[in-house]
């Protein structure tokens, strides 16, 4: 596998909603790519896809059925939570638990402002990508043992 194919594999692993940066960064390190460039590629590709999803969902929000659903689900408590600090923490640190795209879909369905979502997704990419890289390097042996045990049961 050539160098270009390795980079494409890292970017594709990053933009996959099921895997994300948690798989892409260890994959890039395992391929022997420079860690800093793997983090940059993973962060940028994750942010670009998040921004595209936010903009597409915002365009779909103009469909009357979707608009009624959003207005029905958005109550006073939800509005207070979103307008307070809840949006910042949920979009910035929520991807660790739920994944970037799940968090975006939930908050976009509640009618959150797209500019704030894009800004917080960028902050999330800046904060979480180095954190995931540190975890994957620090616990590389543990991850290798887990993968080995999953692939070879018994």
C-alpha atoms as a PDB file:
ATOM      1  CA  UNK A   1       0.000   0.000   0.000  1.00  0.00           C
ATOM      2  CA  UNK A   2       1.465   3.321  -1.083  1.00  0.00           C
ATOM      3  CA  UNK A   3       1.629   6.539   0.880  1.00  0.00           C
ATOM      4  CA  UNK A   4      -1.317   8.106  -0.947  1.00  0.00           C
ATOM      5  CA  UNK A   5      -3.516   5.074  -0.263  1.00  0.00           C
ATOM      6  CA  UNK A   6      -2.636   5.231   3.436  1.00  0.00           C
ATOM      7  CA  UNK A   7      -3.724   8.880   3.632  1.00  0.00           C
ATOM      8  CA  UNK A   8      -6.955   8.096   1.792  1.00  0.00           C
ATOM      9  CA  UNK A   9      -7.631   5.256   4.265  1.00  0.00           C
ATOM     10  CA  UNK A  10      -7.143   7.633   7.215  1.00  0.00           C
ATOM     11  CA  UNK A  11      -9.476  10.266   5.731  1.00  0.00           C
ATOM     12  CA  UNK A  12     -12.137   7.675   4.869  1.00  0.00           C
ATOM     13  CA  UNK A  13     -11.939   6.195   8.375  1.00  0.00           C
ATOM     14  CA  UNK A  14     -12.365   9.692   9.809  1.00  0.00           C
ATOM     15  CA  UNK A  15     -15.447  10.633   7.815  1.00  0.00           C
ATOM     16  CA  UNK A  16     -17.198   7.343   8.494  1.00  0.00           C
ATOM     17  CA  UNK A  17     -19.862   8.138  11.142  1.00  0.00           C
ATOM     18  CA  UNK A  18     -19.408   4.746  12.805  1.00  0.00           C
ATOM     19  CA  UNK A  19     -15.645   4.927  13.298  1.00  0.00           C
ATOM     20  CA  UNK A  20     -14.512   8.550  13.282  1.00  0.00           C
ATOM     21  CA  UNK A  21     -11.263   9.817  14.727  1.00  0.00           C
ATOM     22  CA  UNK A  22     -11.095   7.026  17.304  1.00  0.00           C
ATOM     23  CA  UNK A  23     -10.183   4.553  14.566  1.00  0.00           C
ATOM     24  CA  UNK A  24      -8.519   6.865  12.037  1.00  0.00           C
ATOM     25  CA  UNK A  25      -5.714   8.108  14.282  1.00  0.00           C
ATOM     26  CA  UNK A  26      -4.516   4.672  15.494  1.00  0.00           C
ATOM     27  CA  UNK A  27      -4.848   3.439  11.893  1.00  0.00           C
ATOM     28  CA  UNK A  28      -2.610   6.239  10.622  1.00  0.00           C
ATOM     29  CA  UNK A  29      -0.056   5.616  13.364  1.00  0.00           C
ATOM     30  CA  UNK A  30      -0.090   1.896  12.572  1.00  0.00           C
ATOM     31  CA  UNK A  31       0.552   2.722   8.898  1.00  0.00           C
ATOM     32  CA  UNK A  32       3.652   4.636   9.987  1.00  0.00           C
ATOM     33  CA  UNK A  33       2.373   8.089   9.033  1.00  0.00           C
ATOM     34  CA  UNK A  34       3.551  11.113  11.056  1.00  0.00           C
ATOM     35  CA  UNK A  35       1.234  11.576  14.038  1.00  0.00           C
ATOM     36  CA  UNK A  36       0.889  15.339  13.744  1.00  0.00           C
ATOM     37  CA  UNK A  37      -0.212  15.098  10.110  1.00  0.00           C
ATOM     38  CA  UNK A  38      -2.609  12.274  10.909  1.00  0.00           C
ATOM     39  CA  UNK A  39      -4.197  14.458  13.612  1.00  0.00           C
ATOM     40  CA  UNK A  40      -4.450  17.404  11.234  1.00  0.00           C
ATOM     41  CA  UNK A  41      -5.998  15.273   8.474  1.00  0.00           C
ATOM     42  CA  UNK A  42      -8.425  13.600  10.892  1.00  0.00           C
ATOM     43  CA  UNK A  43      -9.473  16.887  12.484  1.00  0.00           C
ATOM     44  CA  UNK A  44      -9.968  18.704   9.185  1.00  0.00           C
ATOM     45  CA  UNK A  45     -11.879  15.895   7.490  1.00  0.00           C
ATOM     46  CA  UNK A  46     -14.090  15.402  10.561  1.00  0.00           C
ATOM     47  CA  UNK A  47     -14.860  19.125  10.734  1.00  0.00           C
ATOM     48  CA  UNK A  48     -15.609  19.388   7.005  1.00  0.00           C
ATOM     49  CA  UNK A  49     -18.046  16.500   7.129  1.00  0.00           C
ATOM     50  CA  UNK A  50     -19.684  17.887  10.283  1.00  0.00           C
ATOM     51  CA  UNK A  51     -20.129  21.284   8.605  1.00  0.00           C
ATOM     52  CA  UNK A  52     -21.637  19.657   5.508  1.00  0.00           C
ATOM     53  CA  UNK A  53     -24.091  17.659   7.639  1.00  0.00           C
ATOM     54  CA  UNK A  54     -25.082  20.799   9.568  1.00  0.00           C
ATOM     55  CA  UNK A  55     -25.720  22.737   6.357  1.00  0.00           C
ATOM     56  CA  UNK A  56     -27.697  19.890   4.742  1.00  0.00           C
ATOM     57  CA  UNK A  57     -29.894  19.441   7.812  1.00  0.00           C
ATOM     58  CA  UNK A  58     -30.425  23.200   7.943  1.00  0.00           C
ATOM     59  CA  UNK A  59     -31.655  23.131   4.335  1.00  0.00           C
ATOM     60  CA  UNK A  60     -33.996  20.242   5.178  1.00  0.00           C
ATOM     61  CA  UNK A  61     -35.420  22.281   8.054  1.00  0.00           C
ATOM     62  CA  UNK A  62     -37.405  24.352   5.573  1.00  0.00           C
ATOM     63  CA  UNK A  63     -39.578  21.359   4.676  1.00  0.00           C
ATOM     64  CA  UNK A  64     -42.947  21.929   6.458  1.00  0.00           C
ATOM     65  CA  UNK A  65     -43.181  18.452   8.045  1.00  0.00           C
ATOM     66  CA  UNK A  66     -39.685  18.709   9.494  1.00  0.00           C
ATOM     67  CA  UNK A  67     -40.362  22.267  10.669  1.00  0.00           C
ATOM     68  CA  UNK A  68     -43.494  21.136  12.552  1.00  0.00           C
ATOM     69  CA  UNK A  69     -41.544  18.262  14.141  1.00  0.00           C
ATOM     70  CA  UNK A  70     -38.827  20.644  15.348  1.00  0.00           C
ATOM     71  CA  UNK A  71     -41.339  23.107  16.780  1.00  0.00           C
ATOM     72  CA  UNK A  72     -43.223  20.286  18.499  1.00  0.00           C
ATOM     73  CA  UNK A  73     -40.096  18.816  20.154  1.00  0.00           C
ATOM     74  CA  UNK A  74     -38.574  22.094  21.217  1.00  0.00           C
ATOM     75  CA  UNK A  75     -40.039  23.075  24.574  1.00  0.00           C
ATOM     76  CA  UNK A  76     -39.080  25.668  27.180  1.00  0.00           C
ATOM     77  CA  UNK A  77     -36.635  23.401  29.001  1.00  0.00           C
ATOM     78  CA  UNK A  78     -34.924  22.402  25.781  1.00  0.00           C
ATOM     79  CA  UNK A  79     -34.657  26.017  24.663  1.00  0.00           C
ATOM     80  CA  UNK A  80     -33.128  27.033  28.017  1.00  0.00           C
ATOM     81  CA  UNK A  81     -30.643  24.157  27.831  1.00  0.00           C
ATOM     82  CA  UNK A  82     -29.596  24.974  24.282  1.00  0.00           C
ATOM     83  CA  UNK A  83     -29.328  28.715  24.857  1.00  0.00           C
ATOM     84  CA  UNK A  84     -27.278  28.192  28.003  1.00  0.00           C
ATOM     85  CA  UNK A  85     -23.936  26.429  28.149  1.00  0.00           C
ATOM     86  CA  UNK A  86     -25.465  23.053  27.301  1.00  0.00           C
ATOM     87  CA  UNK A  87     -24.837  23.408  23.588  1.00  0.00           C
ATOM     88  CA  UNK A  88     -21.150  24.208  24.027  1.00  0.00           C
ATOM     89  CA  UNK A  89     -20.445  21.249  26.292  1.00  0.00           C
ATOM     90  CA  UNK A  90     -22.630  18.821  24.363  1.00  0.00           C
ATOM     91  CA  UNK A  91     -21.128  19.621  20.967  1.00  0.00           C
ATOM     92  CA  UNK A  92     -17.568  19.921  22.264  1.00  0.00           C
ATOM     93  CA  UNK A  93     -17.402  16.853  24.508  1.00  0.00           C
ATOM     94  CA  UNK A  94     -20.457  14.861  23.376  1.00  0.00           C
ATOM     95  CA  UNK A  95     -18.586  13.243  20.478  1.00  0.00           C
ATOM     96  CA  UNK A  96     -16.488  11.304  23.003  1.00  0.00           C
ATOM     97  CA  UNK A  97     -19.612   9.489  24.173  1.00  0.00           C
ATOM     98  CA  UNK A  98     -22.082   9.573  21.296  1.00  0.00           C
ATOM     99  CA  UNK A  99     -20.050  10.445  18.229  1.00  0.00           C
ATOM    100  CA  UNK A 100     -19.877  13.684  16.291  1.00  0.00           C
ATOM    101  CA  UNK A 101     -22.697  12.963  13.896  1.00  0.00           C
ATOM    102  CA  UNK A 102     -25.175  11.776  16.523  1.00  0.00           C
ATOM    103  CA  UNK A 103     -24.664  14.971  18.517  1.00  0.00           C
ATOM    104  CA  UNK A 104     -25.087  17.099  15.395  1.00  0.00           C
ATOM    105  CA  UNK A 105     -28.270  15.299  14.367  1.00  0.00           C
ATOM    106  CA  UNK A 106     -29.816  15.634  17.835  1.00  0.00           C
ATOM    107  CA  UNK A 107     -29.114  19.342  18.228  1.00  0.00           C
ATOM    108  CA  UNK A 108     -30.012  20.189  14.650  1.00  0.00           C
ATOM    109  CA  UNK A 109     -33.335  18.404  15.094  1.00  0.00           C
ATOM    110  CA  UNK A 110     -33.970  20.694  18.064  1.00  0.00           C
ATOM    111  CA  UNK A 111     -33.524  23.741  15.843  1.00  0.00           C
ATOM    112  CA  UNK A 112     -30.095  24.970  16.927  1.00  0.00           C
ATOM    113  CA  UNK A 113     -28.431  27.836  15.054  1.00  0.00           C
ATOM    114  CA  UNK A 114     -26.159  26.462  12.326  1.00  0.00           C
ATOM    115  CA  UNK A 115     -23.406  29.053  12.845  1.00  0.00           C
ATOM    116  CA  UNK A 116     -23.033  28.115  16.515  1.00  0.00           C
ATOM    117  CA  UNK A 117     -23.052  24.409  15.654  1.00  0.00           C
ATOM    118  CA  UNK A 118     -20.290  24.865  13.058  1.00  0.00           C
ATOM    119  CA  UNK A 119     -18.198  26.942  15.478  1.00  0.00           C
ATOM    120  CA  UNK A 120     -18.553  24.384  18.282  1.00  0.00           C
ATOM    121  CA  UNK A 121     -17.788  21.526  15.872  1.00  0.00           C
ATOM    122  CA  UNK A 122     -14.534  23.278  14.993  1.00  0.00           C
ATOM    123  CA  UNK A 123     -13.702  23.640  18.693  1.00  0.00           C
ATOM    124  CA  UNK A 124     -14.513  19.958  19.150  1.00  0.00           C
ATOM    125  CA  UNK A 125     -12.173  18.995  16.306  1.00  0.00           C
ATOM    126  CA  UNK A 126      -9.391  21.094  17.827  1.00  0.00           C
ATOM    127  CA  UNK A 127      -9.845  19.695  21.352  1.00  0.00           C
ATOM    128  CA  UNK A 128     -10.707  16.041  20.778  1.00  0.00           C
ATOM    129  CA  UNK A 129      -8.298  15.118  17.971  1.00  0.00           C
ATOM    130  CA  UNK A 130      -5.106  15.574  20.056  1.00  0.00           C
ATOM    131  CA  UNK A 131      -6.855  13.929  23.021  1.00  0.00           C
ATOM    132  CA  UNK A 132      -7.708  10.860  20.952  1.00  0.00           C
ATOM    133  CA  UNK A 133      -4.157  10.798  19.554  1.00  0.00           C
ATOM    134  CA  UNK A 134      -2.700  10.887  23.066  1.00  0.00           C
ATOM    135  CA  UNK A 135      -5.007   8.098  24.235  1.00  0.00           C
ATOM    136  CA  UNK A 136      -4.220   5.922  21.219  1.00  0.00           C
ATOM    137  CA  UNK A 137      -0.459   6.310  21.722  1.00  0.00           C
ATOM    138  CA  UNK A 138      -0.548   5.990  25.508  1.00  0.00           C
ATOM    139  CA  UNK A 139      -2.634   2.834  25.435  1.00  0.00           C
ATOM    140  CA  UNK A 140      -1.331   1.332  22.181  1.00  0.00           C
ATOM    141  CA  UNK A 141      -0.430  -2.004  23.786  1.00  0.00           C
ATOM    142  CA  UNK A 142      -3.844  -2.253  25.433  1.00  0.00           C
ATOM    143  CA  UNK A 143      -5.585  -1.531  22.119  1.00  0.00           C
ATOM    144  CA  UNK A 144      -3.442  -4.115  20.314  1.00  0.00           C
ATOM    145  CA  UNK A 145      -4.259  -6.752  22.955  1.00  0.00           C
ATOM    146  CA  UNK A 146      -7.980  -5.977  22.737  1.00  0.00           C
ATOM    147  CA  UNK A 147      -7.952  -6.224  18.943  1.00  0.00           C
ATOM    148  CA  UNK A 148      -5.946  -9.449  19.097  1.00  0.00           C
ATOM    149  CA  UNK A 149      -8.373 -10.980  21.619  1.00  0.00           C
ATOM    150  CA  UNK A 150     -11.389  -9.936  19.548  1.00  0.00           C
ATOM    151  CA  UNK A 151      -9.945 -11.421  16.368  1.00  0.00           C
ATOM    152  CA  UNK A 152      -8.725 -14.622  18.043  1.00  0.00           C
ATOM    153  CA  UNK A 153     -11.290 -15.709  20.661  1.00  0.00           C
ATOM    154  CA  UNK A 154     -10.423 -18.567  22.940  1.00  0.00           C
END
